[in-house]
Protein backbone atom coordinates (compact mmCIF):
# COMPACT_ATOMS: atom_id res chain seq x y z
CA UNK A 1 0.05 0.00 -0.01
CA UNK A 2 1.46 3.36 -1.00
CA UNK A 3 1.45 6.09 1.51
CA UNK A 4 -0.36 9.35 0.72
CA UNK A 5 1.60 12.52 1.58
CA UNK A 6 0.05 14.37 4.47
CA UNK A 7 -2.01 11.33 5.51
CA UNK A 8 -1.43 8.96 8.41
CA UNK A 9 -1.62 5.33 7.36
CA UNK A 10 -3.97 3.15 9.39
CA UNK A 11 -4.24 -0.55 9.62
CA UNK A 12 -6.62 -2.28 7.33
CA UNK A 13 -10.02 -3.19 8.89
CA UNK A 14 -9.19 -6.85 8.41
CA UNK A 15 -6.12 -6.54 10.62
CA UNK A 16 -8.06 -4.85 13.46
CA UNK A 17 -10.86 -7.47 13.22
CA UNK A 18 -8.32 -10.38 13.22
CA UNK A 19 -6.65 -8.99 16.28
CA UNK A 20 -10.02 -8.56 18.06
CA UNK A 21 -11.08 -12.08 17.20
CA UNK A 22 -7.69 -13.40 18.58
CA UNK A 23 -7.92 -11.37 21.81
CA UNK A 24 -11.58 -11.81 22.81
CA UNK A 25 -11.50 -15.60 23.64
CA UNK A 26 -8.46 -14.93 25.81
CA UNK A 27 -10.43 -12.43 27.92
CA UNK A 28 -13.56 -14.50 28.59
CA UNK A 29 -12.28 -15.90 31.93
CA UNK A 30 -11.52 -12.23 32.91
CA UNK A 31 -15.04 -11.23 31.92
CA UNK A 32 -16.58 -13.60 34.41
CA UNK A 33 -14.30 -12.48 37.26
CA UNK A 34 -14.45 -8.82 36.48
CA UNK A 35 -18.20 -8.74 36.17
CA UNK A 36 -18.84 -10.58 39.46
CA UNK A 37 -16.30 -8.47 41.31
CA UNK A 38 -17.37 -5.23 39.57
CA UNK A 39 -20.98 -5.85 40.48
CA UNK A 40 -19.79 -6.40 44.07
CA UNK A 41 -17.89 -3.10 43.95
CA UNK A 42 -20.79 -1.23 42.57
CA UNK A 43 -23.19 -2.66 45.20
CA UNK A 44 -20.67 -1.81 47.95
CA UNK A 45 -20.54 1.73 46.63
CA UNK A 46 -24.35 1.93 46.57
CA UNK A 47 -24.64 0.48 50.17
CA UNK A 48 -22.06 3.02 51.42
CA UNK A 49 -24.30 5.82 50.16
CA UNK A 50 -22.72 6.69 46.82
CA UNK A 51 -24.63 7.24 43.59
CA UNK A 52 -23.86 5.00 40.58
CA UNK A 53 -21.94 7.91 39.12
CA UNK A 54 -19.11 7.21 41.52
CA UNK A 55 -18.34 3.57 40.71
CA UNK A 56 -18.99 4.32 36.97
CA UNK A 57 -16.49 7.17 36.81
CA UNK A 58 -13.92 5.60 39.18
CA UNK A 59 -13.92 2.30 37.30
CA UNK A 60 -13.39 4.27 34.03
CA UNK A 61 -10.64 6.57 35.15
CA UNK A 62 -8.83 4.74 38.02
CA UNK A 63 -9.23 1.08 36.82
CA UNK A 64 -7.52 -0.36 39.81
CA UNK A 65 -9.88 -2.72 41.59
CA UNK A 66 -8.12 -2.95 44.92
CA UNK A 67 -7.60 0.80 45.11
CA UNK A 68 -11.26 1.45 44.25
CA UNK A 69 -12.39 -0.65 47.14
CA UNK A 70 -10.01 1.06 49.48
CA UNK A 71 -11.14 4.50 48.09
CA UNK A 72 -14.63 3.91 49.61
CA UNK A 73 -13.19 4.27 53.10
CA UNK A 74 -10.96 7.21 51.98
CA UNK A 75 -13.96 8.95 50.67
CA UNK A 76 -15.93 8.42 53.72
CA UNK A 77 -13.03 9.55 56.05
CA UNK A 78 -11.29 12.71 56.67
CA UNK A 79 -9.49 14.39 53.72
CA UNK A 80 -5.91 13.00 53.71
CA UNK A 81 -4.35 13.10 50.16
CA UNK A 82 -0.84 11.89 51.35
CA UNK A 83 -2.41 8.87 53.02
CA UNK A 84 -4.32 8.10 49.75
CA UNK A 85 -1.15 8.52 47.78
CA UNK A 86 0.93 6.30 50.03
CA UNK A 87 -1.75 3.63 50.14
CA UNK A 88 -2.19 3.65 46.38
CA UNK A 89 1.52 3.17 45.83
CA UNK A 90 1.67 0.38 48.40
CA UNK A 91 -1.27 -1.48 46.75
CA UNK A 92 -0.19 -1.05 43.25
CA UNK A 93 3.53 -1.26 43.62
CA UNK A 94 3.59 -4.49 41.75
CA UNK A 95 2.75 -2.58 38.50
CA UNK A 96 6.31 -1.21 38.52
CA UNK A 97 7.55 -4.84 37.91
CA UNK A 98 4.83 -5.40 35.33
CA UNK A 99 5.98 -2.23 33.55
CA UNK A 100 9.67 -3.41 33.42
CA UNK A 101 8.54 -6.74 31.96
CA UNK A 102 6.51 -5.21 29.22
CA UNK A 103 9.13 -2.64 27.96
CA UNK A 104 10.12 -4.81 24.99
CA UNK A 105 6.52 -5.94 24.19
CA UNK A 106 5.20 -2.37 24.11
CA UNK A 107 7.70 -1.23 21.58
CA UNK A 108 6.34 -0.21 18.27
CA UNK A 109 2.74 0.03 19.39
CA UNK A 110 2.48 3.70 18.53
CA UNK A 111 -0.45 5.75 19.85
CA UNK A 112 -1.78 2.65 21.57
CA UNK A 113 1.14 2.55 24.15
CA UNK A 114 -0.21 5.29 26.59
CA UNK A 115 -3.49 3.42 26.88
CA UNK A 116 -1.68 0.09 27.22
CA UNK A 117 0.39 1.62 30.12
CA UNK A 118 -2.80 3.15 31.75
CA UNK A 119 -4.91 -0.03 31.42
CA UNK A 120 -2.40 -2.68 32.44
CA UNK A 121 -3.95 -4.62 35.31
CA UNK A 122 -2.86 -7.97 36.67
CA UNK A 123 -5.11 -9.83 34.25
CA UNK A 124 -4.14 -7.91 31.13
CA UNK A 125 -0.47 -8.28 32.03
CA UNK A 126 -0.88 -12.06 32.43
CA UNK A 127 -2.52 -12.42 28.98
CA UNK A 128 -0.31 -9.97 27.06
CA UNK A 129 2.90 -11.29 28.61
CA UNK A 130 2.19 -15.01 28.14
CA UNK A 131 -0.08 -15.23 25.11
CA UNK A 132 1.32 -16.83 22.06
CA UNK A 133 0.12 -14.31 19.47
CA UNK A 134 -0.29 -15.74 15.95
CA UNK A 135 2.17 -14.53 13.35
CA UNK A 136 -0.55 -13.02 11.21
CA UNK A 137 -2.13 -11.05 14.07
CA UNK A 138 -0.93 -7.54 14.82
CA UNK A 139 0.77 -7.52 18.28
CA UNK A 140 -0.15 -3.91 19.15
CA UNK A 141 -3.89 -4.33 18.31
CA UNK A 142 -4.03 -7.70 20.08
CA UNK A 143 -2.70 -6.14 23.32
CA UNK A 144 -4.91 -3.11 22.79
CA UNK A 145 -8.08 -5.26 22.64
CA UNK A 146 -7.04 -7.39 25.58
CA UNK A 147 -6.52 -4.28 27.71
CA UNK A 148 -9.74 -2.48 26.34
CA UNK A 149 -11.96 -5.47 26.80
CA UNK A 150 -10.83 -6.09 30.35
CA UNK A 151 -11.29 -2.43 31.16
CA UNK A 152 -14.84 -2.51 29.70
CA UNK A 153 -15.67 -5.62 31.67
CA UNK A 154 -14.74 -3.89 34.98
CA UNK A 155 -16.47 -0.64 33.88
CA UNK A 156 -19.77 -2.15 32.95
CA UNK A 157 -19.90 -4.52 35.94
CA UNK A 158 -19.09 -1.71 38.41
CA UNK A 159 -21.75 0.62 36.72
CA UNK A 160 -24.46 -2.00 36.74
CA UNK A 161 -23.65 -2.88 40.39
CA UNK A 162 -24.08 0.75 41.20
CA UNK A 163 -27.34 1.09 39.30
CA UNK A 164 -28.99 -2.07 40.51
CA UNK A 165 -27.33 -2.41 43.85
CA UNK A 166 -30.38 -1.04 45.76
CA UNK A 167 -32.54 -3.74 44.18
CA UNK A 168 -30.29 -6.64 45.39
CA UNK A 169 -31.06 -8.01 48.79
CA UNK A 170 -29.27 -11.42 48.86
CA UNK A 171 -26.01 -11.99 50.79
CA UNK A 172 -23.05 -11.20 48.38
CA UNK A 173 -20.42 -12.19 50.86
CA UNK A 174 -17.60 -14.18 49.25
CA UNK A 175 -17.98 -12.98 45.60
CA UNK A 176 -14.45 -11.47 45.76
CA UNK A 177 -13.14 -15.13 45.78
CA UNK A 178 -13.82 -15.08 42.06
CA UNK A 179 -10.56 -13.15 41.53
CA UNK A 180 -8.53 -15.58 43.49
CA UNK A 181 -9.93 -18.51 41.54
CA UNK A 182 -9.12 -16.71 38.25
CA UNK A 183 -5.51 -16.24 39.21
CA UNK A 184 -5.24 -19.92 40.16
CA UNK A 185 -6.57 -20.80 36.71
CA UNK A 186 -4.12 -18.46 34.99
CA UNK A 187 -1.14 -19.97 36.98
CA UNK A 188 -2.24 -23.49 36.16
CA UNK A 189 -2.43 -22.70 32.45
CA UNK A 190 0.93 -21.15 32.48
CA UNK A 191 2.30 -24.22 34.45
CA UNK A 192 0.93 -26.63 32.02
CA UNK A 193 2.36 -24.63 28.98
CA UNK A 194 5.81 -24.35 30.31
CA UNK A 195 8.16 -27.44 30.58
CA UNK A 196 10.56 -25.68 32.91
CA UNK A 197 8.89 -24.81 36.33
CA UNK A 198 11.86 -23.40 38.05
CA UNK A 199 10.73 -19.72 37.98
CA UNK A 200 7.24 -20.63 39.17
CA UNK A 201 8.59 -22.70 42.03
CA UNK A 202 10.94 -19.92 42.98
CA UNK A 203 8.05 -17.49 42.92
CA UNK A 204 5.89 -19.63 45.07
CA UNK A 205 8.81 -20.46 47.54
CA UNK A 206 9.87 -16.92 47.97
CA UNK A 207 6.24 -15.69 48.36
CA UNK A 208 5.61 -18.27 51.14
CA UNK A 209 8.89 -17.32 52.91
CA UNK A 210 8.01 -13.66 52.97
CA UNK A 211 4.51 -14.38 53.95
CA UNK A 212 5.70 -16.12 57.09
CA UNK A 213 8.34 -13.48 57.71
CA UNK A 214 6.23 -10.32 57.15
CA UNK A 215 2.60 -11.33 57.42
CA UNK A 216 -0.28 -11.17 54.92
CA UNK A 217 -0.46 -7.45 54.89
CA UNK A 218 3.20 -6.63 54.21
CA UNK A 219 4.79 -9.43 52.27
CA UNK A 220 3.89 -8.49 48.68
CA UNK A 221 6.45 -5.81 47.95
CA UNK A 222 9.47 -7.49 49.57
CA UNK A 223 8.54 -10.78 48.05
CA UNK A 224 8.29 -9.20 44.50
CA UNK A 225 11.63 -7.47 45.06
CA UNK A 226 13.24 -10.77 46.04
CA UNK A 227 11.56 -12.57 43.05
CA UNK A 228 12.88 -9.90 40.72
CA UNK A 229 16.31 -10.05 42.06
CA UNK A 230 16.65 -13.82 42.05
CA UNK A 231 15.20 -14.20 38.60
CA UNK A 232 17.58 -11.41 37.35
CA UNK A 233 20.55 -13.36 38.79
CA UNK A 234 19.25 -16.61 37.31
CA UNK A 235 18.21 -15.18 33.96
CA UNK A 236 20.89 -16.65 31.86
CA UNK A 237 20.83 -20.17 33.41
CA UNK A 238 17.03 -20.14 33.11
CA UNK A 239 17.31 -19.14 29.47
CA UNK A 240 19.71 -21.95 28.72
CA UNK A 241 17.42 -24.50 30.43
CA UNK A 242 14.45 -23.19 28.40
CA UNK A 243 16.42 -23.54 25.12
CA UNK A 244 17.48 -27.09 26.00
CA UNK A 245 14.09 -28.17 27.06
């Protein structure tokens, strides 16, 4: 295709459609988890006295599930922006490691890169980092649709929960376990796909060690720092084992 002076070339419609069709099935497990948890969040906001506008706008602009749940108490408490900043950094510190891991994958994605950075959550990172993208599917559009679909699942679930929360009267306790179950499935799929489980076992072992040492509320950041350091030191040996497997 020849470029037209003064015009910006765009991808053919078939390329975009092919990327969407490749990405959509990968996000279906996320759809189930995000909708249930998003509904729970919207209902929680409604019960706490907030209009549906709050979960709708917060899920669209913040898009950080854990922080959004914590934000309910922050909104109900005294105004303390420093506490909100510190808590947000603590809760989402793991995204620093996600970003480092995605540096190479986000190269060449053009105007989609800012949104890919903004919309990177645990689930989108898991899919975009581990998915085997077919050779005839555009990588940038594939990751864009994974990120966008997951974002919309959370947004629509939270909005509907906020709208219909006042109409729901059954006990919703325990719905948040959907996210835990989804992460277990993602881990098992990755375990079955990889022949070498050294990195997975290291991650589990270090996480358990720091869980015992620091407790459930404080182990995530030191555990991730330790995992990053150990895997960085063992990067070459692990790469050799992967090539020989």
